[in-house]
Amino acid sequence: MENPPSAPEQGSVAAVEEAAPSRRRPVWGVPIVVVAVVVIVVLFVVGFSGLFANPVQSVNANGTTTLTGSFEPYICTATNCDGYISAGARSVFVVFPHDCPPPARDATITVFGKAAPDLGNASYRATACA
């Protein structure tokens, strides 16, 4: 069991130890927290908008669709090229007409095409070369 201090000197020493000043935070701590929060918000906005980007820009009155994004080849030969157009987290499959030169990998292209449900969902046949 503990005994309370019997001498007045022992009690005053404990009071002095408790009254020691607490440590202060550095002055530069608050600006770093503010900058970190701003960076996180900016990255969230950029990532969130990138998820909802869409390579299908519009559907025209004549039934063609405007596709814009970066091109990733799937199968390209000297006379035929098939590949994907990606924007953000979405992509569509595109078959180019014969004798079209293949677009460069990761090139940003704009193509007009018609939906090709026989090739699968989100597939298009380009009406002209890129």
N, C-alpha and C. Protein backbone atom coordinates (compact mmCIF):
# COMPACT_ATOMS: atom_id res chain seq x y z
N MET A 1 0.82 -1.17 0.00
CA MET A 1 0.00 0.00 0.00
C MET A 1 0.87 1.24 0.00
N GLU A 2 0.36 2.25 -0.62
CA GLU A 2 1.10 3.49 -0.65
C GLU A 2 0.73 4.35 0.53
N ASN A 3 1.73 5.03 1.03
CA ASN A 3 1.50 5.96 2.13
C ASN A 3 1.56 7.38 1.59
N PRO A 4 0.63 8.24 1.98
CA PRO A 4 0.70 9.63 1.54
C PRO A 4 1.93 10.29 2.14
N PRO A 5 2.48 11.29 1.46
CA PRO A 5 3.67 11.93 2.01
C PRO A 5 3.35 12.56 3.36
N SER A 6 4.26 12.31 4.32
CA SER A 6 4.03 12.83 5.65
C SER A 6 4.72 14.18 5.85
N ALA A 7 5.77 14.42 5.13
CA ALA A 7 6.47 15.69 5.29
C ALA A 7 5.99 16.68 4.24
N PRO A 8 5.87 17.96 4.58
CA PRO A 8 5.42 18.95 3.60
C PRO A 8 6.36 19.09 2.42
N GLU A 9 7.65 18.80 2.58
CA GLU A 9 8.60 18.93 1.47
C GLU A 9 8.31 17.90 0.38
N GLN A 10 7.91 16.71 0.78
CA GLN A 10 7.62 15.67 -0.21
C GLN A 10 6.39 16.03 -1.04
N GLY A 11 5.42 16.61 -0.49
CA GLY A 11 4.21 17.00 -1.22
C GLY A 11 4.47 18.12 -2.20
N SER A 12 5.34 19.07 -1.90
CA SER A 12 5.60 20.19 -2.79
C SER A 12 6.45 19.75 -3.99
N VAL A 13 7.29 18.76 -3.84
CA VAL A 13 8.09 18.25 -4.95
C VAL A 13 7.17 17.63 -6.00
N ALA A 14 6.16 16.87 -5.58
CA ALA A 14 5.23 16.26 -6.53
C ALA A 14 4.44 17.33 -7.27
N ALA A 15 4.07 18.39 -6.61
CA ALA A 15 3.32 19.47 -7.26
C ALA A 15 4.18 20.19 -8.27
N VAL A 16 5.46 20.36 -8.03
CA VAL A 16 6.36 21.03 -8.96
C VAL A 16 6.55 20.17 -10.20
N GLU A 17 6.65 18.85 -10.04
CA GLU A 17 6.84 17.96 -11.19
C GLU A 17 5.61 17.97 -12.09
N GLU A 18 4.42 18.07 -11.56
CA GLU A 18 3.20 18.09 -12.35
C GLU A 18 3.03 19.41 -13.09
N ALA A 19 3.57 20.47 -12.59
CA ALA A 19 3.39 21.79 -13.19
C ALA A 19 4.40 22.06 -14.31
N ALA A 20 5.17 21.06 -14.73
CA ALA A 20 6.14 21.25 -15.79
C ALA A 20 5.42 21.63 -17.08
N PRO A 21 5.99 22.56 -17.87
CA PRO A 21 5.31 23.00 -19.10
C PRO A 21 5.22 21.87 -20.13
N SER A 22 4.07 21.80 -20.85
CA SER A 22 3.90 20.76 -21.87
C SER A 22 4.61 21.17 -23.15
N ARG A 23 4.92 20.20 -23.99
CA ARG A 23 5.62 20.48 -25.25
C ARG A 23 4.67 21.13 -26.23
N ARG A 24 5.16 22.07 -26.99
CA ARG A 24 4.36 22.74 -28.01
C ARG A 24 4.63 22.09 -29.36
N ARG A 25 3.63 22.14 -30.22
CA ARG A 25 3.81 21.61 -31.58
C ARG A 25 4.66 22.60 -32.38
N PRO A 26 5.40 22.08 -33.35
CA PRO A 26 6.21 22.99 -34.18
C PRO A 26 5.30 23.92 -35.00
N VAL A 27 5.82 25.09 -35.32
CA VAL A 27 5.06 26.09 -36.07
C VAL A 27 4.75 25.59 -37.48
N TRP A 28 5.63 24.83 -38.08
CA TRP A 28 5.44 24.38 -39.45
C TRP A 28 4.49 23.19 -39.56
N GLY A 29 3.99 22.67 -38.47
CA GLY A 29 3.08 21.51 -38.49
C GLY A 29 1.74 21.80 -39.13
N VAL A 30 1.15 22.94 -38.83
CA VAL A 30 -0.17 23.28 -39.38
C VAL A 30 -0.12 23.48 -40.90
N PRO A 31 0.86 24.25 -41.44
CA PRO A 31 0.90 24.39 -42.91
C PRO A 31 1.10 23.04 -43.63
N ILE A 32 1.85 22.14 -43.04
CA ILE A 32 2.05 20.83 -43.69
C ILE A 32 0.74 20.05 -43.72
N VAL A 33 -0.03 20.12 -42.66
CA VAL A 33 -1.33 19.43 -42.64
C VAL A 33 -2.27 20.03 -43.68
N VAL A 34 -2.28 21.36 -43.81
CA VAL A 34 -3.14 22.02 -44.80
C VAL A 34 -2.73 21.60 -46.22
N VAL A 35 -1.44 21.59 -46.51
CA VAL A 35 -0.96 21.18 -47.85
C VAL A 35 -1.32 19.72 -48.11
N ALA A 36 -1.19 18.86 -47.12
CA ALA A 36 -1.53 17.44 -47.30
C ALA A 36 -3.01 17.26 -47.60
N VAL A 37 -3.86 18.00 -46.92
CA VAL A 37 -5.30 17.90 -47.18
C VAL A 37 -5.63 18.39 -48.59
N VAL A 38 -5.02 19.49 -49.03
CA VAL A 38 -5.26 20.00 -50.38
C VAL A 38 -4.81 18.97 -51.42
N VAL A 39 -3.66 18.36 -51.22
CA VAL A 39 -3.16 17.35 -52.17
C VAL A 39 -4.11 16.16 -52.24
N ILE A 40 -4.59 15.72 -51.12
CA ILE A 40 -5.52 14.58 -51.10
C ILE A 40 -6.81 14.93 -51.84
N VAL A 41 -7.34 16.13 -51.65
CA VAL A 41 -8.57 16.54 -52.34
C VAL A 41 -8.34 16.60 -53.84
N VAL A 42 -7.21 17.17 -54.28
CA VAL A 42 -6.92 17.25 -55.71
C VAL A 42 -6.79 15.86 -56.32
N LEU A 43 -6.07 14.97 -55.66
CA LEU A 43 -5.94 13.61 -56.18
C LEU A 43 -7.27 12.88 -56.22
N PHE A 44 -8.13 13.12 -55.26
CA PHE A 44 -9.45 12.51 -55.25
C PHE A 44 -10.27 13.00 -56.44
N VAL A 45 -10.24 14.30 -56.72
CA VAL A 45 -11.00 14.85 -57.85
C VAL A 45 -10.48 14.31 -59.17
N VAL A 46 -9.16 14.27 -59.34
CA VAL A 46 -8.58 13.76 -60.59
C VAL A 46 -8.90 12.28 -60.76
N GLY A 47 -8.76 11.49 -59.72
CA GLY A 47 -9.06 10.06 -59.81
C GLY A 47 -10.53 9.80 -60.04
N PHE A 48 -11.38 10.56 -59.38
CA PHE A 48 -12.82 10.38 -59.53
C PHE A 48 -13.28 10.73 -60.94
N SER A 49 -12.77 11.82 -61.50
CA SER A 49 -13.16 12.18 -62.86
C SER A 49 -12.59 11.20 -63.88
N GLY A 50 -11.41 10.64 -63.60
CA GLY A 50 -10.83 9.66 -64.51
C GLY A 50 -11.63 8.36 -64.56
N LEU A 51 -12.25 8.00 -63.48
CA LEU A 51 -13.07 6.79 -63.47
C LEU A 51 -14.30 6.92 -64.36
N PHE A 52 -14.81 8.13 -64.47
CA PHE A 52 -16.04 8.32 -65.22
C PHE A 52 -15.82 8.90 -66.61
N ALA A 53 -14.59 8.96 -67.09
CA ALA A 53 -14.33 9.38 -68.46
C ALA A 53 -14.91 8.33 -69.40
N ASN A 54 -15.32 8.75 -70.58
CA ASN A 54 -15.98 7.85 -71.51
C ASN A 54 -15.45 8.10 -72.91
N PRO A 55 -15.01 7.05 -73.63
CA PRO A 55 -14.52 7.26 -74.99
C PRO A 55 -15.63 7.61 -75.98
N VAL A 56 -16.89 7.29 -75.65
CA VAL A 56 -18.00 7.63 -76.54
C VAL A 56 -18.37 9.08 -76.27
N GLN A 57 -18.02 9.96 -77.21
CA GLN A 57 -18.26 11.39 -77.02
C GLN A 57 -19.68 11.78 -77.37
N SER A 58 -20.18 11.26 -78.48
CA SER A 58 -21.54 11.62 -78.90
C SER A 58 -22.03 10.63 -79.93
N VAL A 59 -23.35 10.60 -80.10
CA VAL A 59 -23.99 9.81 -81.16
C VAL A 59 -24.62 10.82 -82.11
N ASN A 60 -24.21 10.77 -83.36
CA ASN A 60 -24.66 11.74 -84.35
C ASN A 60 -26.01 11.34 -84.94
N ALA A 61 -26.64 12.27 -85.62
CA ALA A 61 -27.97 12.03 -86.19
C ALA A 61 -27.97 10.92 -87.24
N ASN A 62 -26.84 10.73 -87.95
CA ASN A 62 -26.78 9.70 -88.99
C ASN A 62 -26.45 8.31 -88.43
N GLY A 63 -26.37 8.17 -87.11
CA GLY A 63 -26.14 6.86 -86.51
C GLY A 63 -24.68 6.57 -86.20
N THR A 64 -23.78 7.45 -86.61
CA THR A 64 -22.38 7.23 -86.28
C THR A 64 -22.09 7.76 -84.87
N THR A 65 -21.03 7.24 -84.30
CA THR A 65 -20.64 7.62 -82.95
C THR A 65 -19.24 8.21 -82.99
N THR A 66 -19.04 9.28 -82.25
CA THR A 66 -17.71 9.89 -82.15
C THR A 66 -17.00 9.26 -80.96
N LEU A 67 -15.84 8.64 -81.23
CA LEU A 67 -15.04 7.97 -80.21
C LEU A 67 -13.70 8.71 -80.07
N THR A 68 -13.35 9.06 -78.85
CA THR A 68 -12.09 9.76 -78.61
C THR A 68 -11.39 9.14 -77.41
N GLY A 69 -10.09 8.92 -77.56
CA GLY A 69 -9.30 8.39 -76.44
C GLY A 69 -7.96 7.89 -76.92
N SER A 70 -7.24 7.20 -76.06
CA SER A 70 -5.94 6.66 -76.44
C SER A 70 -6.13 5.27 -77.05
N PHE A 71 -5.35 5.00 -78.09
CA PHE A 71 -5.49 3.76 -78.84
C PHE A 71 -4.52 2.70 -78.33
N GLU A 72 -5.04 1.50 -78.17
CA GLU A 72 -4.23 0.34 -77.79
C GLU A 72 -4.52 -0.77 -78.81
N PRO A 73 -3.53 -1.14 -79.65
CA PRO A 73 -3.79 -2.16 -80.66
C PRO A 73 -4.04 -3.54 -80.06
N TYR A 74 -4.92 -4.28 -80.72
CA TYR A 74 -5.19 -5.66 -80.32
C TYR A 74 -4.54 -6.58 -81.34
N ILE A 75 -4.98 -6.49 -82.59
CA ILE A 75 -4.36 -7.23 -83.69
C ILE A 75 -4.22 -6.25 -84.85
N CYS A 76 -3.00 -5.97 -85.24
CA CYS A 76 -2.75 -5.08 -86.37
C CYS A 76 -1.82 -5.77 -87.35
N THR A 77 -2.25 -5.80 -88.62
CA THR A 77 -1.42 -6.33 -89.70
C THR A 77 -1.18 -5.19 -90.68
N ALA A 78 -0.58 -5.51 -91.81
CA ALA A 78 -0.31 -4.49 -92.81
C ALA A 78 -1.59 -3.96 -93.45
N THR A 79 -2.66 -4.75 -93.44
CA THR A 79 -3.89 -4.34 -94.12
C THR A 79 -5.10 -4.19 -93.21
N ASN A 80 -4.98 -4.57 -91.95
CA ASN A 80 -6.14 -4.54 -91.06
C ASN A 80 -5.68 -4.23 -89.64
N CYS A 81 -6.51 -3.50 -88.89
CA CYS A 81 -6.15 -3.17 -87.51
C CYS A 81 -7.39 -3.17 -86.63
N ASP A 82 -7.30 -3.86 -85.52
CA ASP A 82 -8.34 -3.86 -84.50
C ASP A 82 -7.69 -3.43 -83.20
N GLY A 83 -8.44 -2.71 -82.39
CA GLY A 83 -7.86 -2.28 -81.12
C GLY A 83 -8.88 -1.64 -80.21
N TYR A 84 -8.40 -1.09 -79.13
CA TYR A 84 -9.25 -0.48 -78.11
C TYR A 84 -8.98 1.02 -78.05
N ILE A 85 -10.05 1.78 -77.85
CA ILE A 85 -9.92 3.19 -77.54
C ILE A 85 -10.34 3.35 -76.09
N SER A 86 -9.43 3.89 -75.27
CA SER A 86 -9.67 4.00 -73.84
C SER A 86 -9.71 5.45 -73.41
N ALA A 87 -10.59 5.73 -72.46
CA ALA A 87 -10.64 7.03 -71.80
C ALA A 87 -10.98 6.75 -70.34
N GLY A 88 -10.10 7.09 -69.45
CA GLY A 88 -10.32 6.80 -68.04
C GLY A 88 -10.33 5.31 -67.82
N ALA A 89 -11.35 4.82 -67.13
CA ALA A 89 -11.45 3.40 -66.82
C ALA A 89 -12.29 2.63 -67.84
N ARG A 90 -12.76 3.30 -68.89
CA ARG A 90 -13.62 2.65 -69.87
C ARG A 90 -12.91 2.53 -71.22
N SER A 91 -13.29 1.52 -71.97
CA SER A 91 -12.73 1.34 -73.30
C SER A 91 -13.77 0.71 -74.22
N VAL A 92 -13.57 0.93 -75.52
CA VAL A 92 -14.43 0.32 -76.53
C VAL A 92 -13.54 -0.35 -77.56
N PHE A 93 -14.06 -1.38 -78.18
CA PHE A 93 -13.33 -2.12 -79.21
C PHE A 93 -13.66 -1.52 -80.57
N VAL A 94 -12.64 -1.31 -81.41
CA VAL A 94 -12.83 -0.68 -82.72
C VAL A 94 -12.15 -1.53 -83.79
N VAL A 95 -12.88 -1.76 -84.88
CA VAL A 95 -12.33 -2.42 -86.06
C VAL A 95 -12.23 -1.37 -87.15
N PHE A 96 -11.01 -1.14 -87.65
CA PHE A 96 -10.79 -0.15 -88.70
C PHE A 96 -11.01 -0.77 -90.07
N PRO A 97 -11.37 0.04 -91.08
CA PRO A 97 -11.51 -0.50 -92.44
C PRO A 97 -10.18 -1.04 -92.96
N HIS A 98 -10.26 -1.91 -93.99
CA HIS A 98 -9.05 -2.46 -94.60
C HIS A 98 -8.22 -1.35 -95.22
N ASP A 99 -6.93 -1.56 -95.27
CA ASP A 99 -5.95 -0.65 -95.85
C ASP A 99 -5.80 0.66 -95.08
N CYS A 100 -6.20 0.70 -93.81
CA CYS A 100 -5.94 1.86 -92.96
C CYS A 100 -4.61 1.65 -92.24
N PRO A 101 -3.78 2.67 -92.20
CA PRO A 101 -2.55 2.51 -91.41
C PRO A 101 -2.90 2.45 -89.93
N PRO A 102 -2.28 1.57 -89.20
CA PRO A 102 -2.62 1.46 -87.77
C PRO A 102 -2.17 2.70 -87.00
N PRO A 103 -2.99 3.21 -86.09
CA PRO A 103 -2.56 4.34 -85.25
C PRO A 103 -1.44 3.90 -84.31
N ALA A 104 -0.66 4.83 -83.87
CA ALA A 104 0.43 4.53 -82.95
C ALA A 104 -0.16 4.14 -81.59
N ARG A 105 0.55 3.27 -80.89
CA ARG A 105 0.13 2.85 -79.55
C ARG A 105 0.12 4.08 -78.62
N ASP A 106 -0.92 4.19 -77.80
CA ASP A 106 -1.11 5.29 -76.83
C ASP A 106 -1.32 6.65 -77.48
N ALA A 107 -1.57 6.68 -78.80
CA ALA A 107 -1.87 7.95 -79.46
C ALA A 107 -3.32 8.32 -79.16
N THR A 108 -3.58 9.60 -78.95
CA THR A 108 -4.95 10.06 -78.74
C THR A 108 -5.58 10.26 -80.11
N ILE A 109 -6.66 9.53 -80.37
CA ILE A 109 -7.30 9.57 -81.68
C ILE A 109 -8.78 9.88 -81.53
N THR A 110 -9.37 10.37 -82.61
CA THR A 110 -10.81 10.57 -82.70
C THR A 110 -11.28 9.83 -83.95
N VAL A 111 -12.27 8.96 -83.77
CA VAL A 111 -12.76 8.11 -84.86
C VAL A 111 -14.29 8.18 -84.88
N PHE A 112 -14.84 8.13 -86.08
CA PHE A 112 -16.29 8.00 -86.23
C PHE A 112 -16.58 6.55 -86.57
N GLY A 113 -17.55 5.96 -85.92
CA GLY A 113 -17.85 4.56 -86.17
C GLY A 113 -19.31 4.25 -85.92
N LYS A 114 -19.71 3.07 -86.36
CA LYS A 114 -21.07 2.60 -86.14
C LYS A 114 -21.01 1.42 -85.18
N ALA A 115 -22.01 1.32 -84.33
CA ALA A 115 -22.06 0.22 -83.37
C ALA A 115 -22.06 -1.11 -84.11
N ALA A 116 -21.34 -2.07 -83.57
CA ALA A 116 -21.24 -3.40 -84.16
C ALA A 116 -21.59 -4.45 -83.11
N PRO A 117 -22.90 -4.66 -82.88
CA PRO A 117 -23.28 -5.62 -81.84
C PRO A 117 -22.84 -7.05 -82.16
N ASP A 118 -22.58 -7.35 -83.44
CA ASP A 118 -22.11 -8.70 -83.80
C ASP A 118 -20.71 -8.97 -83.25
N LEU A 119 -19.95 -7.91 -82.93
CA LEU A 119 -18.62 -8.07 -82.35
C LEU A 119 -18.64 -8.13 -80.83
N GLY A 120 -19.77 -7.77 -80.25
CA GLY A 120 -19.88 -7.77 -78.79
C GLY A 120 -20.31 -6.42 -78.26
N ASN A 121 -20.48 -6.37 -76.97
CA ASN A 121 -20.89 -5.14 -76.31
C ASN A 121 -19.77 -4.08 -76.40
N ALA A 122 -20.12 -2.84 -76.61
CA ALA A 122 -19.16 -1.73 -76.71
C ALA A 122 -18.16 -1.94 -77.83
N SER A 123 -18.66 -2.42 -78.99
CA SER A 123 -17.80 -2.61 -80.17
C SER A 123 -18.29 -1.74 -81.31
N TYR A 124 -17.35 -1.23 -82.09
CA TYR A 124 -17.68 -0.32 -83.18
C TYR A 124 -16.84 -0.66 -84.41
N ARG A 125 -17.41 -0.36 -85.58
CA ARG A 125 -16.67 -0.44 -86.85
C ARG A 125 -16.42 1.00 -87.30
N ALA A 126 -15.16 1.36 -87.43
CA ALA A 126 -14.81 2.72 -87.86
C ALA A 126 -15.24 2.95 -89.28
N THR A 127 -15.76 4.14 -89.56
CA THR A 127 -16.21 4.45 -90.92
C THR A 127 -15.08 5.00 -91.77
N ALA A 128 -13.97 5.42 -91.15
CA ALA A 128 -12.82 5.95 -91.88
C ALA A 128 -11.57 5.68 -91.04
N CYS A 129 -10.44 5.93 -91.64
CA CYS A 129 -9.17 5.75 -90.92
C CYS A 129 -9.01 6.86 -89.87
N ALA A 130 -8.20 6.56 -88.88
CA ALA A 130 -7.98 7.55 -87.80
C ALA A 130 -7.02 8.63 -88.25
